[in-house]
N, C-alpha and C. Protein backbone atom coordinates (compact mmCIF):
# COMPACT_ATOMS: atom_id res chain seq x y z
N MET A 1 -13.14 187.36 -117.18
CA MET A 1 -12.16 186.34 -116.81
C MET A 1 -12.52 185.02 -117.48
N THR A 2 -11.58 184.46 -118.18
CA THR A 2 -11.84 183.20 -118.89
C THR A 2 -11.74 182.03 -117.93
N ASP A 3 -12.24 180.87 -118.41
CA ASP A 3 -12.17 179.66 -117.60
C ASP A 3 -10.72 179.24 -117.37
N THR A 4 -9.85 179.47 -118.38
CA THR A 4 -8.45 179.08 -118.24
C THR A 4 -7.77 179.90 -117.14
N THR A 5 -8.06 181.20 -117.12
CA THR A 5 -7.47 182.05 -116.09
C THR A 5 -7.95 181.67 -114.71
N ARG A 6 -9.25 181.36 -114.60
CA ARG A 6 -9.81 180.95 -113.31
C ARG A 6 -9.17 179.66 -112.83
N HIS A 7 -8.89 178.72 -113.76
CA HIS A 7 -8.29 177.45 -113.39
C HIS A 7 -6.85 177.65 -112.91
N ARG A 8 -6.13 178.57 -113.58
CA ARG A 8 -4.74 178.81 -113.19
C ARG A 8 -4.64 179.45 -111.81
N ARG A 9 -5.60 180.30 -111.47
CA ARG A 9 -5.54 180.99 -110.19
C ARG A 9 -5.83 180.07 -109.03
N GLY A 10 -6.52 178.95 -109.30
CA GLY A 10 -6.78 177.98 -108.25
C GLY A 10 -7.92 178.42 -107.35
N ARG A 11 -8.17 177.59 -106.33
CA ARG A 11 -9.25 177.89 -105.40
C ARG A 11 -8.74 177.72 -103.98
N GLY A 12 -9.46 178.32 -103.02
CA GLY A 12 -9.10 178.18 -101.62
C GLY A 12 -7.98 179.11 -101.22
N GLY A 13 -7.56 178.97 -99.93
CA GLY A 13 -6.48 179.81 -99.45
C GLY A 13 -6.96 181.21 -99.13
N GLN A 14 -6.03 182.11 -98.96
CA GLN A 14 -6.36 183.48 -98.62
C GLN A 14 -7.06 184.16 -99.79
N GLY A 15 -8.23 184.73 -99.53
CA GLY A 15 -8.97 185.40 -100.58
C GLY A 15 -9.68 184.45 -101.52
N GLY A 16 -9.54 183.12 -101.32
CA GLY A 16 -10.20 182.15 -102.16
C GLY A 16 -9.54 181.92 -103.50
N HIS A 17 -8.37 182.53 -103.76
CA HIS A 17 -7.70 182.35 -105.04
C HIS A 17 -6.20 182.20 -104.80
N GLU A 18 -5.82 181.09 -104.19
CA GLU A 18 -4.42 180.81 -103.90
C GLU A 18 -4.00 179.57 -104.65
N PRO A 19 -2.80 179.49 -105.18
CA PRO A 19 -2.36 178.29 -105.91
C PRO A 19 -2.47 177.05 -105.04
N ARG A 20 -2.86 175.95 -105.66
CA ARG A 20 -3.03 174.71 -104.91
C ARG A 20 -1.72 174.24 -104.30
N ALA A 21 -0.60 174.48 -104.99
CA ALA A 21 0.69 174.07 -104.43
C ALA A 21 0.98 174.79 -103.11
N ARG A 22 0.63 176.07 -103.03
CA ARG A 22 0.85 176.81 -101.79
C ARG A 22 -0.07 176.30 -100.69
N ILE A 23 -1.28 175.95 -101.05
CA ILE A 23 -2.22 175.41 -100.06
C ILE A 23 -1.68 174.10 -99.48
N ARG A 24 -1.18 173.21 -100.36
CA ARG A 24 -0.63 171.94 -99.91
C ARG A 24 0.59 172.16 -99.03
N THR A 25 1.43 173.12 -99.38
CA THR A 25 2.62 173.41 -98.57
C THR A 25 2.22 173.88 -97.18
N ARG A 26 1.18 174.73 -97.10
CA ARG A 26 0.70 175.20 -95.80
C ARG A 26 0.12 174.04 -94.99
N GLU A 27 -0.59 173.14 -95.63
CA GLU A 27 -1.15 171.98 -94.93
C GLU A 27 -0.04 171.10 -94.37
N LEU A 28 0.98 170.84 -95.18
CA LEU A 28 2.08 170.00 -94.71
C LEU A 28 2.80 170.65 -93.53
N ARG A 29 2.99 171.96 -93.61
CA ARG A 29 3.65 172.67 -92.52
C ARG A 29 2.80 172.62 -91.25
N ALA A 30 1.52 172.80 -91.38
CA ALA A 30 0.63 172.75 -90.22
C ALA A 30 0.65 171.37 -89.57
N MET A 31 0.60 170.31 -90.37
CA MET A 31 0.63 168.96 -89.83
C MET A 31 1.97 168.65 -89.20
N GLU A 32 3.05 169.15 -89.79
CA GLU A 32 4.38 168.92 -89.23
C GLU A 32 4.50 169.56 -87.85
N LEU A 33 4.03 170.79 -87.72
CA LEU A 33 4.09 171.47 -86.43
C LEU A 33 3.16 170.83 -85.41
N LEU A 34 2.01 170.33 -85.88
CA LEU A 34 1.08 169.66 -84.97
C LEU A 34 1.71 168.39 -84.39
N VAL A 35 2.41 167.64 -85.23
CA VAL A 35 3.07 166.42 -84.76
C VAL A 35 4.16 166.77 -83.75
N LEU A 36 4.80 167.92 -83.91
CA LEU A 36 5.85 168.34 -82.98
C LEU A 36 5.29 168.86 -81.66
N GLY A 37 3.96 168.94 -81.55
CA GLY A 37 3.34 169.35 -80.30
C GLY A 37 2.97 170.81 -80.22
N TRP A 38 3.00 171.51 -81.33
CA TRP A 38 2.63 172.93 -81.31
C TRP A 38 1.12 173.08 -81.14
N SER A 39 0.72 174.15 -80.48
CA SER A 39 -0.70 174.46 -80.36
C SER A 39 -1.18 175.14 -81.63
N GLN A 40 -2.50 175.22 -81.77
CA GLN A 40 -3.04 175.85 -82.97
C GLN A 40 -2.67 177.34 -83.02
N HIS A 41 -2.59 177.99 -81.88
CA HIS A 41 -2.21 179.40 -81.86
C HIS A 41 -0.76 179.58 -82.31
N GLN A 42 0.12 178.68 -81.88
CA GLN A 42 1.52 178.75 -82.31
C GLN A 42 1.65 178.48 -83.80
N ILE A 43 0.88 177.49 -84.30
CA ILE A 43 0.92 177.20 -85.73
C ILE A 43 0.40 178.39 -86.53
N ALA A 44 -0.66 179.02 -86.03
CA ALA A 44 -1.23 180.18 -86.72
C ALA A 44 -0.20 181.31 -86.81
N ALA A 45 0.55 181.52 -85.72
CA ALA A 45 1.57 182.57 -85.74
C ALA A 45 2.68 182.23 -86.74
N ASP A 46 3.02 180.97 -86.85
CA ASP A 46 4.07 180.57 -87.79
C ASP A 46 3.62 180.72 -89.24
N LEU A 47 2.36 180.38 -89.50
CA LEU A 47 1.85 180.44 -90.87
C LEU A 47 1.34 181.82 -91.25
N GLY A 48 1.13 182.66 -90.27
CA GLY A 48 0.60 183.98 -90.55
C GLY A 48 -0.88 183.99 -90.86
N VAL A 49 -1.63 183.07 -90.25
CA VAL A 49 -3.07 182.99 -90.43
C VAL A 49 -3.71 182.98 -89.04
N SER A 50 -5.04 182.95 -89.02
CA SER A 50 -5.76 182.93 -87.75
C SER A 50 -5.82 181.49 -87.20
N GLN A 51 -6.15 181.42 -85.90
CA GLN A 51 -6.30 180.10 -85.28
C GLN A 51 -7.46 179.33 -85.89
N ALA A 52 -8.53 180.04 -86.26
CA ALA A 52 -9.66 179.36 -86.90
C ALA A 52 -9.26 178.78 -88.24
N ALA A 53 -8.40 179.48 -88.97
CA ALA A 53 -7.93 178.96 -90.26
C ALA A 53 -7.08 177.71 -90.06
N VAL A 54 -6.26 177.70 -88.99
CA VAL A 54 -5.45 176.51 -88.69
C VAL A 54 -6.34 175.33 -88.35
N SER A 55 -7.37 175.57 -87.55
CA SER A 55 -8.31 174.49 -87.22
C SER A 55 -8.97 173.92 -88.47
N LYS A 56 -9.34 174.78 -89.39
CA LYS A 56 -9.96 174.32 -90.64
C LYS A 56 -8.97 173.54 -91.49
N ILE A 57 -7.72 174.00 -91.54
CA ILE A 57 -6.69 173.30 -92.31
C ILE A 57 -6.46 171.91 -91.76
N LEU A 58 -6.30 171.80 -90.44
CA LEU A 58 -6.03 170.51 -89.81
C LEU A 58 -7.20 169.55 -89.99
N ARG A 59 -8.42 170.07 -89.85
CA ARG A 59 -9.59 169.22 -90.03
C ARG A 59 -9.68 168.71 -91.46
N ARG A 60 -9.38 169.58 -92.43
CA ARG A 60 -9.42 169.17 -93.83
C ARG A 60 -8.38 168.09 -94.13
N VAL A 61 -7.18 168.25 -93.57
CA VAL A 61 -6.12 167.27 -93.80
C VAL A 61 -6.46 165.95 -93.13
N GLU A 62 -6.95 166.00 -91.90
CA GLU A 62 -7.29 164.77 -91.19
C GLU A 62 -8.40 164.00 -91.90
N GLU A 63 -9.40 164.70 -92.40
CA GLU A 63 -10.48 164.02 -93.12
C GLU A 63 -9.96 163.38 -94.41
N ARG A 64 -9.04 164.06 -95.08
CA ARG A 64 -8.47 163.48 -96.30
C ARG A 64 -7.63 162.25 -95.97
N VAL A 65 -6.85 162.31 -94.89
CA VAL A 65 -6.04 161.16 -94.49
C VAL A 65 -6.92 159.98 -94.10
N LEU A 66 -8.02 160.26 -93.39
CA LEU A 66 -8.93 159.19 -93.00
C LEU A 66 -9.55 158.52 -94.23
N ARG A 67 -9.93 159.30 -95.20
CA ARG A 67 -10.50 158.71 -96.43
C ARG A 67 -9.47 157.83 -97.12
N GLU A 68 -8.23 158.29 -97.16
CA GLU A 68 -7.19 157.50 -97.80
C GLU A 68 -6.92 156.21 -97.04
N LEU A 69 -6.93 156.29 -95.70
CA LEU A 69 -6.70 155.09 -94.90
C LEU A 69 -7.83 154.09 -95.08
N ARG A 70 -9.06 154.58 -95.11
CA ARG A 70 -10.19 153.67 -95.33
C ARG A 70 -10.05 152.97 -96.68
N SER A 71 -9.65 153.73 -97.69
CA SER A 71 -9.48 153.14 -99.01
C SER A 71 -8.38 152.09 -99.00
N VAL A 72 -7.29 152.38 -98.28
CA VAL A 72 -6.19 151.41 -98.20
C VAL A 72 -6.65 150.14 -97.49
N VAL A 73 -7.38 150.30 -96.40
CA VAL A 73 -7.86 149.13 -95.64
C VAL A 73 -8.79 148.28 -96.50
N GLU A 74 -9.70 148.91 -97.22
CA GLU A 74 -10.64 148.17 -98.06
C GLU A 74 -9.90 147.43 -99.17
N ARG A 75 -8.88 148.06 -99.75
CA ARG A 75 -8.11 147.38 -100.80
C ARG A 75 -7.36 146.19 -100.24
N GLN A 76 -6.78 146.36 -99.05
CA GLN A 76 -6.07 145.25 -98.44
C GLN A 76 -7.03 144.09 -98.11
N LYS A 77 -8.21 144.42 -97.63
CA LYS A 77 -9.19 143.37 -97.36
C LYS A 77 -9.59 142.65 -98.63
N ALA A 78 -9.73 143.39 -99.73
CA ALA A 78 -10.09 142.77 -101.00
C ALA A 78 -8.98 141.84 -101.48
N ARG A 79 -7.73 142.26 -101.32
CA ARG A 79 -6.61 141.42 -101.74
C ARG A 79 -6.54 140.14 -100.91
N HIS A 80 -6.66 140.28 -99.59
CA HIS A 80 -6.63 139.10 -98.74
C HIS A 80 -7.82 138.19 -99.03
N SER A 81 -8.94 138.78 -99.35
CA SER A 81 -10.11 137.97 -99.68
C SER A 81 -9.87 137.13 -100.92
N MET A 82 -9.27 137.72 -101.95
CA MET A 82 -8.97 136.97 -103.16
C MET A 82 -7.96 135.86 -102.90
N ARG A 83 -6.98 136.15 -102.04
CA ARG A 83 -5.99 135.11 -101.71
C ARG A 83 -6.63 133.95 -100.96
N LEU A 84 -7.51 134.27 -100.03
CA LEU A 84 -8.19 133.21 -99.29
C LEU A 84 -9.09 132.38 -100.21
N GLU A 85 -9.76 133.05 -101.14
CA GLU A 85 -10.59 132.31 -102.10
C GLU A 85 -9.73 131.39 -102.97
N HIS A 86 -8.52 131.86 -103.32
CA HIS A 86 -7.61 131.02 -104.11
C HIS A 86 -7.18 129.80 -103.30
N LEU A 87 -6.84 130.01 -102.01
CA LEU A 87 -6.45 128.88 -101.17
C LEU A 87 -7.60 127.88 -101.01
N TYR A 88 -8.80 128.38 -100.88
CA TYR A 88 -9.96 127.49 -100.76
C TYR A 88 -10.15 126.66 -102.03
N ALA A 89 -10.02 127.34 -103.18
CA ALA A 89 -10.19 126.62 -104.45
C ALA A 89 -9.11 125.55 -104.63
N GLU A 90 -7.87 125.89 -104.27
CA GLU A 90 -6.79 124.91 -104.40
C GLU A 90 -7.02 123.72 -103.47
N ALA A 91 -7.47 123.98 -102.26
CA ALA A 91 -7.72 122.89 -101.31
C ALA A 91 -8.83 121.97 -101.82
N MET A 92 -9.89 122.54 -102.40
CA MET A 92 -10.98 121.72 -102.91
C MET A 92 -10.56 120.94 -104.15
N HIS A 93 -9.72 121.53 -105.00
CA HIS A 93 -9.21 120.79 -106.16
C HIS A 93 -8.35 119.61 -105.70
N ALA A 94 -7.50 119.87 -104.69
CA ALA A 94 -6.66 118.78 -104.17
C ALA A 94 -7.52 117.69 -103.54
N TRP A 95 -8.61 118.08 -102.89
CA TRP A 95 -9.51 117.09 -102.31
C TRP A 95 -10.15 116.23 -103.40
N SER A 96 -10.58 116.86 -104.48
CA SER A 96 -11.18 116.10 -105.57
C SER A 96 -10.16 115.16 -106.20
N ASP A 97 -8.94 115.63 -106.38
CA ASP A 97 -7.91 114.78 -106.97
C ASP A 97 -7.57 113.60 -106.05
N SER A 98 -7.64 113.84 -104.74
CA SER A 98 -7.30 112.75 -103.81
C SER A 98 -8.36 111.65 -103.81
N LYS A 99 -9.56 111.93 -104.34
CA LYS A 99 -10.61 110.91 -104.40
C LYS A 99 -10.57 110.11 -105.70
N ALA A 100 -9.77 110.55 -106.64
CA ALA A 100 -9.72 109.86 -107.94
C ALA A 100 -9.13 108.46 -107.77
N ASP A 101 -9.58 107.53 -108.62
CA ASP A 101 -9.06 106.17 -108.59
C ASP A 101 -7.59 106.18 -108.96
N SER A 102 -6.82 105.38 -108.26
CA SER A 102 -5.40 105.27 -108.54
C SER A 102 -5.12 103.90 -109.18
N THR A 103 -4.16 103.87 -110.03
CA THR A 103 -3.77 102.63 -110.70
C THR A 103 -2.31 102.33 -110.40
N ARG A 104 -2.01 101.07 -110.30
CA ARG A 104 -0.63 100.65 -110.12
C ARG A 104 -0.41 99.34 -110.87
N ARG A 105 0.81 99.14 -111.27
CA ARG A 105 1.17 97.95 -112.02
C ARG A 105 1.80 96.94 -111.08
N ARG A 106 1.48 95.69 -111.31
CA ARG A 106 2.10 94.63 -110.53
C ARG A 106 2.32 93.41 -111.42
N GLN A 107 3.23 92.60 -111.02
CA GLN A 107 3.55 91.37 -111.78
C GLN A 107 3.14 90.16 -110.96
N ARG A 108 2.56 89.23 -111.68
CA ARG A 108 2.09 87.99 -111.04
C ARG A 108 2.63 86.80 -111.82
N LYS A 109 3.17 85.90 -111.08
CA LYS A 109 3.75 84.71 -111.71
C LYS A 109 2.76 83.56 -111.62
N THR A 110 2.45 83.00 -112.79
CA THR A 110 1.50 81.88 -112.84
C THR A 110 2.21 80.59 -112.48
N GLN A 111 1.39 79.69 -112.02
CA GLN A 111 1.95 78.39 -111.66
C GLN A 111 2.28 77.60 -112.93
N ALA A 112 3.30 76.81 -112.83
CA ALA A 112 3.74 75.99 -113.98
C ALA A 112 2.77 74.84 -114.19
N GLY A 113 2.46 74.59 -115.47
CA GLY A 113 1.58 73.47 -115.79
C GLY A 113 2.40 72.20 -116.03
N ALA A 114 1.72 71.18 -116.45
CA ALA A 114 2.40 69.91 -116.72
C ALA A 114 3.34 70.08 -117.90
N GLY A 115 4.60 69.90 -117.66
CA GLY A 115 5.59 69.98 -118.72
C GLY A 115 5.93 71.39 -119.15
N THR A 116 5.40 72.42 -118.46
CA THR A 116 5.70 73.80 -118.85
C THR A 116 6.14 74.58 -117.62
N GLY A 117 6.92 75.59 -117.86
CA GLY A 117 7.38 76.43 -116.74
C GLY A 117 6.39 77.55 -116.49
N GLY A 118 6.47 78.19 -115.34
CA GLY A 118 5.60 79.29 -115.00
C GLY A 118 5.92 80.55 -115.82
N THR A 119 4.94 81.37 -115.96
CA THR A 119 5.12 82.62 -116.70
C THR A 119 4.79 83.80 -115.80
N THR A 120 5.34 84.94 -116.12
CA THR A 120 5.10 86.18 -115.36
C THR A 120 4.12 87.05 -116.13
N VAL A 121 3.06 87.45 -115.45
CA VAL A 121 2.00 88.25 -116.07
C VAL A 121 1.99 89.64 -115.42
N ALA A 122 2.00 90.65 -116.25
CA ALA A 122 1.91 92.04 -115.75
C ALA A 122 0.45 92.45 -115.68
N GLU A 123 0.03 93.05 -114.53
CA GLU A 123 -1.36 93.47 -114.33
C GLU A 123 -1.41 94.94 -113.91
N VAL A 124 -2.48 95.58 -114.30
CA VAL A 124 -2.75 96.95 -113.87
C VAL A 124 -3.92 96.92 -112.90
N VAL A 125 -3.69 97.34 -111.66
CA VAL A 125 -4.70 97.27 -110.60
C VAL A 125 -5.23 98.68 -110.33
N SER A 126 -6.56 98.82 -110.32
CA SER A 126 -7.21 100.10 -110.02
C SER A 126 -7.76 100.07 -108.60
N GLU A 127 -7.46 101.10 -107.82
CA GLU A 127 -7.89 101.15 -106.43
C GLU A 127 -8.73 102.41 -106.20
N ASN A 128 -9.81 102.23 -105.46
CA ASN A 128 -10.67 103.36 -105.11
C ASN A 128 -10.08 104.15 -103.94
N GLN A 129 -10.13 105.49 -104.03
CA GLN A 129 -9.61 106.36 -102.98
C GLN A 129 -10.78 107.08 -102.31
N HIS A 130 -10.66 107.28 -101.02
CA HIS A 130 -11.71 107.97 -100.25
C HIS A 130 -11.40 109.46 -100.04
N GLY A 131 -10.27 109.91 -100.49
CA GLY A 131 -9.93 111.33 -100.34
C GLY A 131 -9.16 111.61 -99.06
N ASP A 132 -8.31 112.61 -99.12
CA ASP A 132 -7.49 112.99 -97.97
C ASP A 132 -8.21 114.10 -97.20
N PRO A 133 -8.65 113.84 -95.97
CA PRO A 133 -9.41 114.86 -95.21
C PRO A 133 -8.58 116.08 -94.85
N ARG A 134 -7.27 116.00 -94.96
CA ARG A 134 -6.46 117.17 -94.64
C ARG A 134 -6.73 118.33 -95.59
N TYR A 135 -7.09 118.02 -96.82
CA TYR A 135 -7.43 119.09 -97.76
C TYR A 135 -8.73 119.79 -97.37
N LEU A 136 -9.68 119.04 -96.84
CA LEU A 136 -10.92 119.65 -96.37
C LEU A 136 -10.67 120.54 -95.16
N GLU A 137 -9.74 120.14 -94.30
CA GLU A 137 -9.41 120.98 -93.14
C GLU A 137 -8.81 122.30 -93.58
N GLU A 138 -7.96 122.27 -94.60
CA GLU A 138 -7.38 123.51 -95.11
C GLU A 138 -8.46 124.39 -95.74
N ALA A 139 -9.40 123.76 -96.44
CA ALA A 139 -10.50 124.54 -97.02
C ALA A 139 -11.35 125.18 -95.93
N ARG A 140 -11.59 124.44 -94.86
CA ARG A 140 -12.38 124.99 -93.76
C ARG A 140 -11.67 126.18 -93.11
N LYS A 141 -10.37 126.09 -92.94
CA LYS A 141 -9.61 127.20 -92.36
C LYS A 141 -9.68 128.44 -93.25
N SER A 142 -9.62 128.23 -94.55
CA SER A 142 -9.71 129.37 -95.47
C SER A 142 -11.07 130.05 -95.35
N LEU A 143 -12.13 129.26 -95.24
CA LEU A 143 -13.46 129.84 -95.08
C LEU A 143 -13.59 130.59 -93.76
N ALA A 144 -13.01 130.03 -92.69
CA ALA A 144 -13.07 130.69 -91.39
C ALA A 144 -12.33 132.03 -91.42
N ASP A 145 -11.17 132.05 -92.05
CA ASP A 145 -10.42 133.31 -92.15
C ASP A 145 -11.17 134.33 -93.00
N HIS A 146 -11.85 133.87 -94.01
CA HIS A 146 -12.62 134.77 -94.88
C HIS A 146 -13.78 135.39 -94.11
N ARG A 147 -14.48 134.60 -93.33
CA ARG A 147 -15.58 135.13 -92.52
C ARG A 147 -15.07 136.12 -91.49
N LYS A 148 -13.93 135.82 -90.88
CA LYS A 148 -13.36 136.71 -89.88
C LYS A 148 -12.93 138.03 -90.52
N LEU A 149 -12.39 137.96 -91.72
CA LEU A 149 -11.92 139.16 -92.41
C LEU A 149 -13.06 140.13 -92.66
N TRP A 150 -14.23 139.63 -93.04
CA TRP A 150 -15.37 140.48 -93.39
C TRP A 150 -16.40 140.58 -92.26
N GLY A 151 -16.09 140.02 -91.10
CA GLY A 151 -16.99 140.13 -89.96
C GLY A 151 -18.28 139.37 -90.14
N LEU A 152 -18.22 138.19 -90.75
CA LEU A 152 -19.43 137.43 -91.04
C LEU A 152 -19.73 136.37 -89.98
N ASP A 153 -18.89 136.26 -88.96
CA ASP A 153 -19.14 135.26 -87.92
C ASP A 153 -20.37 135.64 -87.12
N ALA A 154 -21.06 134.62 -86.62
CA ALA A 154 -22.25 134.85 -85.80
C ALA A 154 -21.85 135.47 -84.47
N PRO A 155 -22.77 136.21 -83.83
CA PRO A 155 -22.44 136.80 -82.52
C PRO A 155 -22.07 135.71 -81.52
N GLN A 156 -21.32 136.12 -80.51
CA GLN A 156 -20.90 135.18 -79.49
C GLN A 156 -22.10 134.66 -78.71
N LYS A 157 -22.11 133.34 -78.50
CA LYS A 157 -23.23 132.73 -77.80
C LYS A 157 -23.20 133.11 -76.32
N VAL A 158 -24.39 133.25 -75.76
CA VAL A 158 -24.54 133.57 -74.34
C VAL A 158 -24.98 132.32 -73.61
N ASP A 159 -24.26 131.97 -72.55
CA ASP A 159 -24.60 130.80 -71.75
C ASP A 159 -25.77 131.16 -70.84
N VAL A 160 -26.96 130.65 -71.19
CA VAL A 160 -28.14 130.99 -70.39
C VAL A 160 -28.09 130.34 -69.02
N ARG A 161 -27.26 129.31 -68.86
CA ARG A 161 -27.17 128.67 -67.55
C ARG A 161 -26.59 129.61 -66.51
N ALA A 162 -25.75 130.55 -66.97
CA ALA A 162 -25.17 131.51 -66.02
C ALA A 162 -26.20 132.49 -65.48
N LEU A 163 -27.36 132.60 -66.16
CA LEU A 163 -28.40 133.51 -65.74
C LEU A 163 -29.40 132.87 -64.80
N ARG A 164 -29.22 131.60 -64.44
CA ARG A 164 -30.17 130.91 -63.59
C ARG A 164 -30.01 131.36 -62.14
N SER A 165 -31.06 131.17 -61.36
CA SER A 165 -31.02 131.53 -59.95
C SER A 165 -30.14 130.54 -59.19
N PRO A 166 -29.38 130.99 -58.18
CA PRO A 166 -28.54 130.06 -57.41
C PRO A 166 -29.35 129.08 -56.58
N TYR A 167 -30.67 129.31 -56.44
CA TYR A 167 -31.51 128.41 -55.65
C TYR A 167 -32.14 127.30 -56.49
N ASP A 168 -31.90 127.30 -57.81
CA ASP A 168 -32.57 126.32 -58.67
C ASP A 168 -32.14 124.89 -58.37
N ASP A 169 -30.88 124.70 -57.99
CA ASP A 169 -30.36 123.34 -57.78
C ASP A 169 -30.40 122.91 -56.31
N MET A 170 -31.01 123.72 -55.45
CA MET A 170 -31.06 123.38 -54.02
C MET A 170 -32.23 122.45 -53.73
N THR A 171 -32.04 121.58 -52.75
CA THR A 171 -33.11 120.67 -52.34
C THR A 171 -34.13 121.43 -51.49
N GLU A 172 -35.26 120.76 -51.21
CA GLU A 172 -36.30 121.39 -50.40
C GLU A 172 -35.78 121.69 -48.99
N GLU A 173 -35.02 120.76 -48.42
CA GLU A 173 -34.48 120.97 -47.08
C GLU A 173 -33.51 122.15 -47.06
N ALA A 174 -32.66 122.22 -48.06
CA ALA A 174 -31.71 123.32 -48.13
C ALA A 174 -32.42 124.66 -48.32
N LEU A 175 -33.50 124.65 -49.10
CA LEU A 175 -34.27 125.88 -49.28
C LEU A 175 -34.91 126.34 -47.99
N ARG A 176 -35.44 125.38 -47.18
CA ARG A 176 -36.05 125.76 -45.90
C ARG A 176 -35.01 126.33 -44.95
N GLU A 177 -33.80 125.74 -44.93
CA GLU A 177 -32.74 126.26 -44.08
C GLU A 177 -32.33 127.67 -44.50
N GLU A 178 -32.24 127.87 -45.83
CA GLU A 178 -31.87 129.20 -46.31
C GLU A 178 -32.95 130.23 -45.99
N LEU A 179 -34.23 129.81 -46.08
CA LEU A 179 -35.32 130.72 -45.74
C LEU A 179 -35.28 131.09 -44.26
N ALA A 180 -35.03 130.10 -43.41
CA ALA A 180 -34.95 130.38 -41.98
C ALA A 180 -33.78 131.31 -41.67
N LYS A 181 -32.69 131.13 -42.35
CA LYS A 181 -31.52 131.99 -42.14
C LYS A 181 -31.83 133.43 -42.54
N GLN A 182 -32.48 133.59 -43.69
CA GLN A 182 -32.84 134.95 -44.12
C GLN A 182 -33.84 135.59 -43.17
N THR A 183 -34.76 134.79 -42.61
CA THR A 183 -35.74 135.32 -41.66
C THR A 183 -35.05 135.82 -40.41
N ARG A 184 -34.07 135.06 -39.89
CA ARG A 184 -33.33 135.49 -38.69
C ARG A 184 -32.59 136.80 -38.96
N LEU A 185 -32.02 136.92 -40.15
CA LEU A 185 -31.31 138.15 -40.48
C LEU A 185 -32.26 139.35 -40.52
N LEU A 186 -33.48 139.12 -41.03
CA LEU A 186 -34.46 140.20 -41.06
C LEU A 186 -34.89 140.60 -39.65
N GLU A 187 -35.03 139.61 -38.75
CA GLU A 187 -35.42 139.92 -37.36
C GLU A 187 -34.35 140.74 -36.67
N ILE A 188 -33.08 140.41 -36.96
CA ILE A 188 -31.99 141.15 -36.34
C ILE A 188 -31.97 142.59 -36.84
N GLY A 189 -32.34 142.78 -38.10
CA GLY A 189 -32.29 144.11 -38.69
C GLY A 189 -33.47 144.99 -38.34
N LYS A 190 -34.52 144.47 -37.68
CA LYS A 190 -35.68 145.28 -37.33
C LYS A 190 -35.32 146.30 -36.25
N PRO A 191 -35.88 147.53 -36.32
CA PRO A 191 -35.59 148.54 -35.26
C PRO A 191 -36.25 148.16 -33.95
N VAL A 192 -35.59 148.45 -32.83
CA VAL A 192 -36.11 148.13 -31.49
C VAL A 192 -36.98 149.28 -31.00
N ALA A 193 -38.14 148.98 -30.36
CA ALA A 193 -39.06 150.01 -29.86
C ALA A 193 -38.38 150.84 -28.78
N ASP A 194 -38.70 152.15 -28.70
CA ASP A 194 -38.09 153.05 -27.72
C ASP A 194 -38.52 152.65 -26.32
N GLU A 195 -37.58 152.60 -25.40
CA GLU A 195 -37.85 152.26 -24.01
C GLU A 195 -37.86 153.54 -23.18
N PRO A 196 -38.57 153.54 -22.03
CA PRO A 196 -38.60 154.74 -21.17
C PRO A 196 -37.21 155.10 -20.70
N THR A 197 -36.93 156.39 -20.63
CA THR A 197 -35.63 156.86 -20.17
C THR A 197 -35.55 156.71 -18.67
N THR A 198 -34.50 156.19 -18.16
CA THR A 198 -34.35 155.93 -16.72
C THR A 198 -33.27 156.83 -16.15
N TYR A 199 -33.44 157.19 -14.90
CA TYR A 199 -32.44 157.95 -14.16
C TYR A 199 -32.05 157.10 -12.96
N GLY A 200 -30.92 156.55 -13.06
CA GLY A 200 -30.53 155.64 -11.99
C GLY A 200 -31.34 154.37 -12.07
N ASP A 201 -32.05 154.06 -10.94
CA ASP A 201 -32.87 152.85 -10.93
C ASP A 201 -34.32 153.15 -11.14
N LYS A 202 -34.74 154.45 -11.23
CA LYS A 202 -36.15 154.82 -11.33
C LYS A 202 -36.46 155.29 -12.72
N SER A 203 -37.64 154.93 -13.19
CA SER A 203 -38.09 155.40 -14.49
C SER A 203 -38.58 156.82 -14.38
N GLU A 204 -38.51 157.55 -15.54
CA GLU A 204 -38.98 158.93 -15.56
C GLU A 204 -40.48 158.95 -15.34
N ALA A 205 -40.94 159.80 -14.44
CA ALA A 205 -42.35 159.84 -14.10
C ALA A 205 -43.14 160.44 -15.22
N THR A 206 -44.29 159.84 -15.50
CA THR A 206 -45.18 160.35 -16.52
C THR A 206 -46.01 161.46 -15.91
N PRO A 207 -46.68 162.26 -16.76
CA PRO A 207 -47.56 163.32 -16.19
C PRO A 207 -48.58 162.79 -15.22
N LYS A 208 -49.09 161.56 -15.49
CA LYS A 208 -50.07 160.98 -14.57
C LYS A 208 -49.44 160.69 -13.24
N ASP A 209 -48.21 160.14 -13.28
CA ASP A 209 -47.52 159.84 -12.03
C ASP A 209 -47.24 161.11 -11.25
N ALA A 210 -46.89 162.20 -11.96
CA ALA A 210 -46.62 163.46 -11.26
C ALA A 210 -47.86 164.00 -10.57
N GLY A 211 -49.03 163.82 -11.16
CA GLY A 211 -50.30 164.27 -10.54
C GLY A 211 -50.60 163.49 -9.30
N ASP A 212 -50.34 162.16 -9.36
CA ASP A 212 -50.59 161.34 -8.19
C ASP A 212 -49.72 161.76 -7.04
N ASP A 213 -48.43 162.12 -7.31
CA ASP A 213 -47.55 162.52 -6.22
C ASP A 213 -48.03 163.84 -5.59
N LYS A 214 -48.66 164.70 -6.39
CA LYS A 214 -49.07 166.00 -5.87
C LYS A 214 -50.21 165.85 -4.87
N HIS A 215 -51.09 164.84 -5.12
CA HIS A 215 -52.25 164.65 -4.21
C HIS A 215 -51.83 163.94 -2.95
N LYS A 216 -50.64 163.30 -2.97
CA LYS A 216 -50.27 162.58 -1.78
C LYS A 216 -49.84 163.52 -0.68
């Protein structure tokens, strides 16, 4: 058997040599019936294969779908990451431009001298800019979204104050009152010693008492 013949016969399926197109058709049919709520035994009867073969087909398809979904998710994350990096770069460029010196033209009229009229002088005024902080806020938001996208944020902080004892902020007097209260509760919870069993108004006679009555 040549390599070309082996390639044409395909792999997998019944007997290990079934065309790939037929294998894909069986997989699609199995998934379609599974979505409709069919059991694996019902799908096996429809496809003319065993239940174990149906289980293997479904597992193979599900693993392939999961791999494809993971790939799609990673590509989407990469695209969003590039967009966020672009927004960050644009915000920083705008911030740098907002700090550049600005120039404006103005006209100033000079005072008239003796025997002469006033003249108008055109001036170019340069002003220093401190930058627009709104661009920095946009850059910060882009960085925050980027960290959230890739899970780079630090773990959530734990408030250690919530773990403190409720008695830490109590005064000495309050602590003594609480201690006395707990002591009374413990006294109430103690078991009471057994008392002699009584019949009417007389206590049950002990063996010693019974001996004394016999000698009387």
